[in-house]
Amino acid sequence: FASDPPPSLEIIDPYAYCQQLTLPKLIINSTGDRFFLPDSSQFYYAALPDPKYLRYVPNTDHELDASANETLRSFYAAIIANQPWPEFSWEISEGEKMAISAKDMPLEVRLWQASNPTSRDFRLQTIGPAWKSTILEPTRRFGERVEYEVRLSPPDHGWQAALMELTFPDPCGVAQSLTLTTGVAVLPDTLPYALDFLKGAR
């Protein structure tokens, strides 16, 4: 329905209601989910109004892990106590540049990466706990803000996935820390079995 969606989609498609979701939102995803692609947030996250937060949990399957529960507890505690969460923004430019601009200084920022030399498949059951991280230093400071930026290159063979992870002090102290992430970038940004009629489809 990319070129001529039927009117009924405005009623039955949850995407049509994005702008009505004005309450705080936290989306927790797995990088190795056996049902959902790791970069699927690119199709809906930008359309959601603020406030919104995203976290991908590396080296997990659909069930996630205990750290996801800690993030969820922090989210609800902040809402109940009317405590603001850290203020930051991020962008992925053409899949090759990832950048974070944070008003609140993170305790730590990491770049997580995983690769598959044969297929665009990052499921935990396929590649195992292949996500590895490196600590990033700020690339720029100005005023109260701090920026982090990385440039990615497609691998010689197969596909590579990457995300940036921020760790903050927990606003309400219900957990040792608060972990949030950017979306996931996959390079090269190609589908091995893409069909022409899917180009431009949501």
C-alpha atoms as a PDB file:
ATOM      1  CA  PHE A   1       0.000   0.000   0.000  1.00  0.00           C
ATOM      2  CA  ALA A   2       3.019   2.308  -0.348  1.00  0.00           C
ATOM      3  CA  SER A   3       1.595   4.411  -3.175  1.00  0.00           C
ATOM      4  CA  ASP A   4      -2.161   4.278  -2.504  1.00  0.00           C
ATOM      5  CA  PRO A   5      -3.071   3.170   1.036  1.00  0.00           C
ATOM      6  CA  PRO A   6      -6.767   2.396   1.550  1.00  0.00           C
ATOM      7  CA  PRO A   7      -8.708   4.769   3.865  1.00  0.00           C
ATOM      8  CA  SER A   8      -9.321   1.918   6.298  1.00  0.00           C
ATOM      9  CA  LEU A   9      -5.648   2.032   7.321  1.00  0.00           C
ATOM     10  CA  GLU A  10      -6.334   5.327   9.094  1.00  0.00           C
ATOM     11  CA  ILE A  11      -8.542   3.345  11.464  1.00  0.00           C
ATOM     12  CA  ILE A  12      -6.888  -0.055  11.807  1.00  0.00           C
ATOM     13  CA  ASP A  13      -3.175   0.811  11.534  1.00  0.00           C
ATOM     14  CA  PRO A  14      -1.679   1.742  14.958  1.00  0.00           C
ATOM     15  CA  TYR A  15       0.870   3.924  13.143  1.00  0.00           C
ATOM     16  CA  ALA A  16      -1.944   6.330  12.262  1.00  0.00           C
ATOM     17  CA  TYR A  17      -2.333   7.171  15.957  1.00  0.00           C
ATOM     18  CA  CYS A  18       1.325   8.054  16.638  1.00  0.00           C
ATOM     19  CA  GLN A  19       0.699  11.754  17.254  1.00  0.00           C
ATOM     20  CA  GLN A  20      -1.882  10.954  19.932  1.00  0.00           C
ATOM     21  CA  LEU A  21       0.674   9.115  22.064  1.00  0.00           C
ATOM     22  CA  THR A  22       1.694  12.137  24.126  1.00  0.00           C
ATOM     23  CA  LEU A  23       2.423  10.363  27.429  1.00  0.00           C
ATOM     24  CA  PRO A  24       6.046   9.403  28.249  1.00  0.00           C
ATOM     25  CA  LYS A  25       7.159   6.371  26.261  1.00  0.00           C
ATOM     26  CA  LEU A  26       9.937   3.844  26.832  1.00  0.00           C
ATOM     27  CA  ILE A  27      10.675   1.221  24.187  1.00  0.00           C
ATOM     28  CA  ILE A  28      12.972  -1.660  25.148  1.00  0.00           C
ATOM     29  CA  ASN A  29      14.164  -3.906  22.330  1.00  0.00           C
ATOM     30  CA  SER A  30      16.609  -6.758  21.919  1.00  0.00           C
ATOM     31  CA  THR A  31      19.487  -6.670  19.442  1.00  0.00           C
ATOM     32  CA  GLY A  32      19.162 -10.409  18.865  1.00  0.00           C
ATOM     33  CA  ASP A  33      15.387 -10.791  18.834  1.00  0.00           C
ATOM     34  CA  ARG A  34      14.236 -13.820  16.878  1.00  0.00           C
ATOM     35  CA  PHE A  35      11.044 -12.021  15.795  1.00  0.00           C
ATOM     36  CA  PHE A  36      11.979  -8.376  15.157  1.00  0.00           C
ATOM     37  CA  LEU A  37      14.830  -6.852  13.165  1.00  0.00           C
ATOM     38  CA  PRO A  38      17.296  -4.815  15.249  1.00  0.00           C
ATOM     39  CA  ASP A  39      16.918  -1.710  13.084  1.00  0.00           C
ATOM     40  CA  SER A  40      13.106  -1.781  12.956  1.00  0.00           C
ATOM     41  CA  SER A  41      12.781   1.313  15.182  1.00  0.00           C
ATOM     42  CA  GLN A  42      13.736   3.431  12.159  1.00  0.00           C
ATOM     43  CA  PHE A  43      10.214   2.867  10.830  1.00  0.00           C
ATOM     44  CA  TYR A  44       8.301   4.325  13.789  1.00  0.00           C
ATOM     45  CA  TYR A  45      10.455   5.979  16.457  1.00  0.00           C
ATOM     46  CA  ALA A  46      10.884   9.350  14.743  1.00  0.00           C
ATOM     47  CA  ALA A  47       7.108   9.650  14.307  1.00  0.00           C
ATOM     48  CA  LEU A  48       6.447   9.350  18.034  1.00  0.00           C
ATOM     49  CA  PRO A  49       6.095  12.667  19.887  1.00  0.00           C
ATOM     50  CA  ASP A  50       8.291  13.449  22.884  1.00  0.00           C
ATOM     51  CA  PRO A  51       8.881  12.474  25.616  1.00  0.00           C
ATOM     52  CA  LYS A  52      10.250   9.157  24.379  1.00  0.00           C
ATOM     53  CA  TYR A  53      13.212   6.935  25.165  1.00  0.00           C
ATOM     54  CA  LEU A  54      14.741   3.874  23.563  1.00  0.00           C
ATOM     55  CA  ARG A  55      16.888   1.067  24.824  1.00  0.00           C
ATOM     56  CA  TYR A  56      18.372  -1.862  22.922  1.00  0.00           C
ATOM     57  CA  VAL A  57      19.808  -4.618  25.110  1.00  0.00           C
ATOM     58  CA  PRO A  58      22.863  -6.207  23.428  1.00  0.00           C
ATOM     59  CA  ASN A  59      23.384  -9.966  23.325  1.00  0.00           C
ATOM     60  CA  THR A  60      19.815 -10.825  24.271  1.00  0.00           C
ATOM     61  CA  ASP A  61      16.923 -12.599  22.607  1.00  0.00           C
ATOM     62  CA  HIS A  62      13.218 -11.763  22.791  1.00  0.00           C
ATOM     63  CA  GLU A  63      13.158 -12.353  26.569  1.00  0.00           C
ATOM     64  CA  LEU A  64      15.754  -9.587  27.203  1.00  0.00           C
ATOM     65  CA  ASP A  65      17.525  -9.772  30.606  1.00  0.00           C
ATOM     66  CA  ALA A  66      17.280  -8.447  34.162  1.00  0.00           C
ATOM     67  CA  SER A  67      18.801  -5.086  33.241  1.00  0.00           C
ATOM     68  CA  ALA A  68      15.733  -4.336  31.115  1.00  0.00           C
ATOM     69  CA  ASN A  69      13.597  -4.620  34.251  1.00  0.00           C
ATOM     70  CA  GLU A  70      15.863  -2.116  36.002  1.00  0.00           C
ATOM     71  CA  THR A  71      15.346   0.377  33.180  1.00  0.00           C
ATOM     72  CA  LEU A  72      11.597  -0.162  33.365  1.00  0.00           C
ATOM     73  CA  ARG A  73      11.582   0.377  37.145  1.00  0.00           C
ATOM     74  CA  SER A  74      13.516   3.615  36.720  1.00  0.00           C
ATOM     75  CA  PHE A  75      11.036   4.793  34.109  1.00  0.00           C
ATOM     76  CA  TYR A  76       7.982   4.233  36.300  1.00  0.00           C
ATOM     77  CA  ALA A  77       9.671   5.662  39.399  1.00  0.00           C
ATOM     78  CA  ALA A  78      10.525   8.861  37.524  1.00  0.00           C
ATOM     79  CA  ILE A  79       6.933   9.230  36.313  1.00  0.00           C
ATOM     80  CA  ILE A  80       5.475   8.657  39.788  1.00  0.00           C
ATOM     81  CA  ALA A  81       7.920  11.110  41.392  1.00  0.00           C
ATOM     82  CA  ASN A  82       7.612  13.584  38.507  1.00  0.00           C
ATOM     83  CA  GLN A  83      11.376  13.440  38.036  1.00  0.00           C
ATOM     84  CA  PRO A  84      12.786  14.329  34.608  1.00  0.00           C
ATOM     85  CA  TRP A  85      14.896  11.802  32.793  1.00  0.00           C
ATOM     86  CA  PRO A  86      18.228  12.758  31.189  1.00  0.00           C
ATOM     87  CA  GLU A  87      17.930  15.123  28.260  1.00  0.00           C
ATOM     88  CA  PHE A  88      19.732  14.082  25.083  1.00  0.00           C
ATOM     89  CA  SER A  89      19.135  13.611  21.376  1.00  0.00           C
ATOM     90  CA  TRP A  90      20.643  11.317  18.781  1.00  0.00           C
ATOM     91  CA  GLU A  91      20.683  10.781  15.040  1.00  0.00           C
ATOM     92  CA  ILE A  92      21.848   8.240  12.505  1.00  0.00           C
ATOM     93  CA  SER A  93      22.809   9.879   9.217  1.00  0.00           C
ATOM     94  CA  GLU A  94      22.601   7.626   6.170  1.00  0.00           C
ATOM     95  CA  GLY A  95      23.598   4.728   8.383  1.00  0.00           C
ATOM     96  CA  GLU A  96      27.255   5.777   8.473  1.00  0.00           C
ATOM     97  CA  LYS A  97      27.325   8.525  11.117  1.00  0.00           C
ATOM     98  CA  MET A  98      25.952   8.182  14.634  1.00  0.00           C
ATOM     99  CA  ALA A  99      25.834  11.207  16.927  1.00  0.00           C
ATOM    100  CA  ILE A 100      24.617  12.043  20.417  1.00  0.00           C
ATOM    101  CA  SER A 101      24.107  15.495  21.913  1.00  0.00           C
ATOM    102  CA  ALA A 102      23.478  15.400  25.663  1.00  0.00           C
ATOM    103  CA  LYS A 103      22.533  18.192  28.040  1.00  0.00           C
ATOM    104  CA  ASP A 104      22.961  15.852  30.997  1.00  0.00           C
ATOM    105  CA  MET A 105      26.458  14.398  31.232  1.00  0.00           C
ATOM    106  CA  PRO A 106      26.465  10.592  30.935  1.00  0.00           C
ATOM    107  CA  LEU A 107      28.539   8.495  33.276  1.00  0.00           C
ATOM    108  CA  GLU A 108      29.659   6.507  30.247  1.00  0.00           C
ATOM    109  CA  VAL A 109      28.971   6.159  26.532  1.00  0.00           C
ATOM    110  CA  ARG A 110      29.736   2.969  24.638  1.00  0.00           C
ATOM    111  CA  LEU A 111      29.676   1.945  21.001  1.00  0.00           C
ATOM    112  CA  TRP A 112      28.307  -1.572  20.555  1.00  0.00           C
ATOM    113  CA  GLN A 113      28.961  -3.447  17.294  1.00  0.00           C
ATOM    114  CA  ALA A 114      28.297  -6.885  15.842  1.00  0.00           C
ATOM    115  CA  SER A 115      28.860  -8.378  12.411  1.00  0.00           C
ATOM    116  CA  ASN A 116      27.679 -11.275  10.314  1.00  0.00           C
ATOM    117  CA  PRO A 117      29.929 -12.038   7.324  1.00  0.00           C
ATOM    118  CA  THR A 118      27.344 -14.105   5.459  1.00  0.00           C
ATOM    119  CA  SER A 119      23.859 -12.674   6.012  1.00  0.00           C
ATOM    120  CA  ARG A 120      21.856  -9.720   7.341  1.00  0.00           C
ATOM    121  CA  ASP A 121      20.913 -11.735  10.404  1.00  0.00           C
ATOM    122  CA  PHE A 122      21.735 -10.580  13.934  1.00  0.00           C
ATOM    123  CA  ARG A 123      19.575 -12.989  15.896  1.00  0.00           C
ATOM    124  CA  LEU A 124      21.228 -14.282  19.048  1.00  0.00           C
ATOM    125  CA  GLN A 125      20.490 -17.847  17.940  1.00  0.00           C
ATOM    126  CA  THR A 126      22.426 -17.172  14.721  1.00  0.00           C
ATOM    127  CA  ILE A 127      25.517 -15.190  15.731  1.00  0.00           C
ATOM    128  CA  GLY A 128      25.615 -15.823  19.489  1.00  0.00           C
ATOM    129  CA  PRO A 129      26.723 -13.068  21.908  1.00  0.00           C
ATOM    130  CA  ALA A 130      28.666 -11.293  19.170  1.00  0.00           C
ATOM    131  CA  TRP A 131      28.034  -7.697  20.271  1.00  0.00           C
ATOM    132  CA  LYS A 132      31.207  -6.073  21.618  1.00  0.00           C
ATOM    133  CA  SER A 133      31.583  -2.598  23.093  1.00  0.00           C
ATOM    134  CA  THR A 134      34.177   0.137  23.333  1.00  0.00           C
ATOM    135  CA  ILE A 135      34.053   3.218  25.560  1.00  0.00           C
ATOM    136  CA  LEU A 136      33.707   6.524  23.716  1.00  0.00           C
ATOM    137  CA  GLU A 137      35.161   9.877  24.704  1.00  0.00           C
ATOM    138  CA  PRO A 138      33.306  13.130  23.976  1.00  0.00           C
ATOM    139  CA  THR A 139      34.113  14.615  20.582  1.00  0.00           C
ATOM    140  CA  ARG A 140      32.921  18.100  21.505  1.00  0.00           C
ATOM    141  CA  ARG A 141      31.845  20.146  24.518  1.00  0.00           C
ATOM    142  CA  PHE A 142      30.043  23.473  24.394  1.00  0.00           C
ATOM    143  CA  GLY A 143      28.310  25.124  27.299  1.00  0.00           C
ATOM    144  CA  GLU A 144      26.371  22.529  29.241  1.00  0.00           C
ATOM    145  CA  ARG A 145      26.169  20.103  26.330  1.00  0.00           C
ATOM    146  CA  VAL A 146      28.476  17.284  25.341  1.00  0.00           C
ATOM    147  CA  GLU A 147      28.572  15.479  21.987  1.00  0.00           C
ATOM    148  CA  TYR A 148      29.681  12.031  20.905  1.00  0.00           C
ATOM    149  CA  GLU A 149      30.112  11.051  17.280  1.00  0.00           C
ATOM    150  CA  VAL A 150      31.264   7.943  15.434  1.00  0.00           C
ATOM    151  CA  ARG A 151      31.609   7.176  11.752  1.00  0.00           C
ATOM    152  CA  LEU A 152      30.977   3.654  10.584  1.00  0.00           C
ATOM    153  CA  SER A 153      32.244   1.819   7.522  1.00  0.00           C
ATOM    154  CA  PRO A 154      30.564  -1.146   5.833  1.00  0.00           C
ATOM    155  CA  PRO A 155      32.451  -4.410   6.373  1.00  0.00           C
ATOM    156  CA  ASP A 156      34.324  -6.066   3.530  1.00  0.00           C
ATOM    157  CA  HIS A 157      31.910  -8.983   3.704  1.00  0.00           C
ATOM    158  CA  GLY A 158      28.390  -9.270   5.042  1.00  0.00           C
ATOM    159  CA  TRP A 159      26.715  -6.760   7.364  1.00  0.00           C
ATOM    160  CA  GLN A 160      27.572  -4.862  10.508  1.00  0.00           C
ATOM    161  CA  ALA A 161      25.206  -3.465  13.156  1.00  0.00           C
ATOM    162  CA  ALA A 162      25.978  -0.712  15.657  1.00  0.00           C
ATOM    163  CA  LEU A 163      24.361   1.337  18.408  1.00  0.00           C
ATOM    164  CA  MET A 164      25.466   3.875  21.004  1.00  0.00           C
ATOM    165  CA  GLU A 165      24.652   3.268  24.669  1.00  0.00           C
ATOM    166  CA  LEU A 166      24.462   5.940  27.368  1.00  0.00           C
ATOM    167  CA  THR A 167      24.656   5.285  31.103  1.00  0.00           C
ATOM    168  CA  PHE A 168      23.340   7.963  33.490  1.00  0.00           C
ATOM    169  CA  PRO A 169      22.819   8.205  37.239  1.00  0.00           C
ATOM    170  CA  ASP A 170      19.343   6.933  38.055  1.00  0.00           C
ATOM    171  CA  PRO A 171      17.122  10.006  38.638  1.00  0.00           C
ATOM    172  CA  CYS A 172      15.224   8.327  41.494  1.00  0.00           C
ATOM    173  CA  GLY A 173      17.891   5.996  42.841  1.00  0.00           C
ATOM    174  CA  VAL A 174      15.876   2.810  42.352  1.00  0.00           C
ATOM    175  CA  ALA A 175      18.680   1.265  40.282  1.00  0.00           C
ATOM    176  CA  GLN A 176      22.458   1.580  40.247  1.00  0.00           C
ATOM    177  CA  SER A 177      22.285   3.440  36.953  1.00  0.00           C
ATOM    178  CA  LEU A 178      20.041   4.184  33.995  1.00  0.00           C
ATOM    179  CA  THR A 179      20.927   2.823  30.551  1.00  0.00           C
ATOM    180  CA  LEU A 180      19.454   4.140  27.292  1.00  0.00           C
ATOM    181  CA  THR A 181      20.535   3.829  23.659  1.00  0.00           C
ATOM    182  CA  THR A 182      20.229   5.146  20.171  1.00  0.00           C
ATOM    183  CA  GLY A 183      18.597   3.127  17.443  1.00  0.00           C
ATOM    184  CA  VAL A 184      20.555   0.498  15.534  1.00  0.00           C
ATOM    185  CA  ALA A 185      22.377   1.208  12.277  1.00  0.00           C
ATOM    186  CA  VAL A 186      23.045  -1.650   9.853  1.00  0.00           C
ATOM    187  CA  LEU A 187      25.714  -1.352   7.153  1.00  0.00           C
ATOM    188  CA  PRO A 188      25.505  -1.652   4.267  1.00  0.00           C
ATOM    189  CA  ASP A 189      21.929  -0.351   4.300  1.00  0.00           C
ATOM    190  CA  THR A 190      20.755  -2.916   1.766  1.00  0.00           C
ATOM    191  CA  LEU A 191      18.387  -5.871   1.802  1.00  0.00           C
ATOM    192  CA  PRO A 192      19.766  -9.023   0.170  1.00  0.00           C
ATOM    193  CA  TYR A 193      16.365 -10.040  -1.208  1.00  0.00           C
ATOM    194  CA  ALA A 194      14.639  -6.673  -1.610  1.00  0.00           C
ATOM    195  CA  LEU A 195      11.825  -6.482  -4.137  1.00  0.00           C
ATOM    196  CA  ASP A 196      11.271  -3.438  -6.310  1.00  0.00           C
ATOM    197  CA  PHE A 197       7.650  -3.003  -5.246  1.00  0.00           C
ATOM    198  CA  LEU A 198       8.733  -2.631  -1.606  1.00  0.00           C
ATOM    199  CA  LYS A 199      10.905   0.410  -2.266  1.00  0.00           C
ATOM    200  CA  GLY A 200       9.509   3.390  -0.423  1.00  0.00           C
ATOM    201  CA  ALA A 201       7.057   1.297   1.584  1.00  0.00           C
ATOM    202  CA  ARG A 202       6.718   1.893   5.269  1.00  0.00           C
END
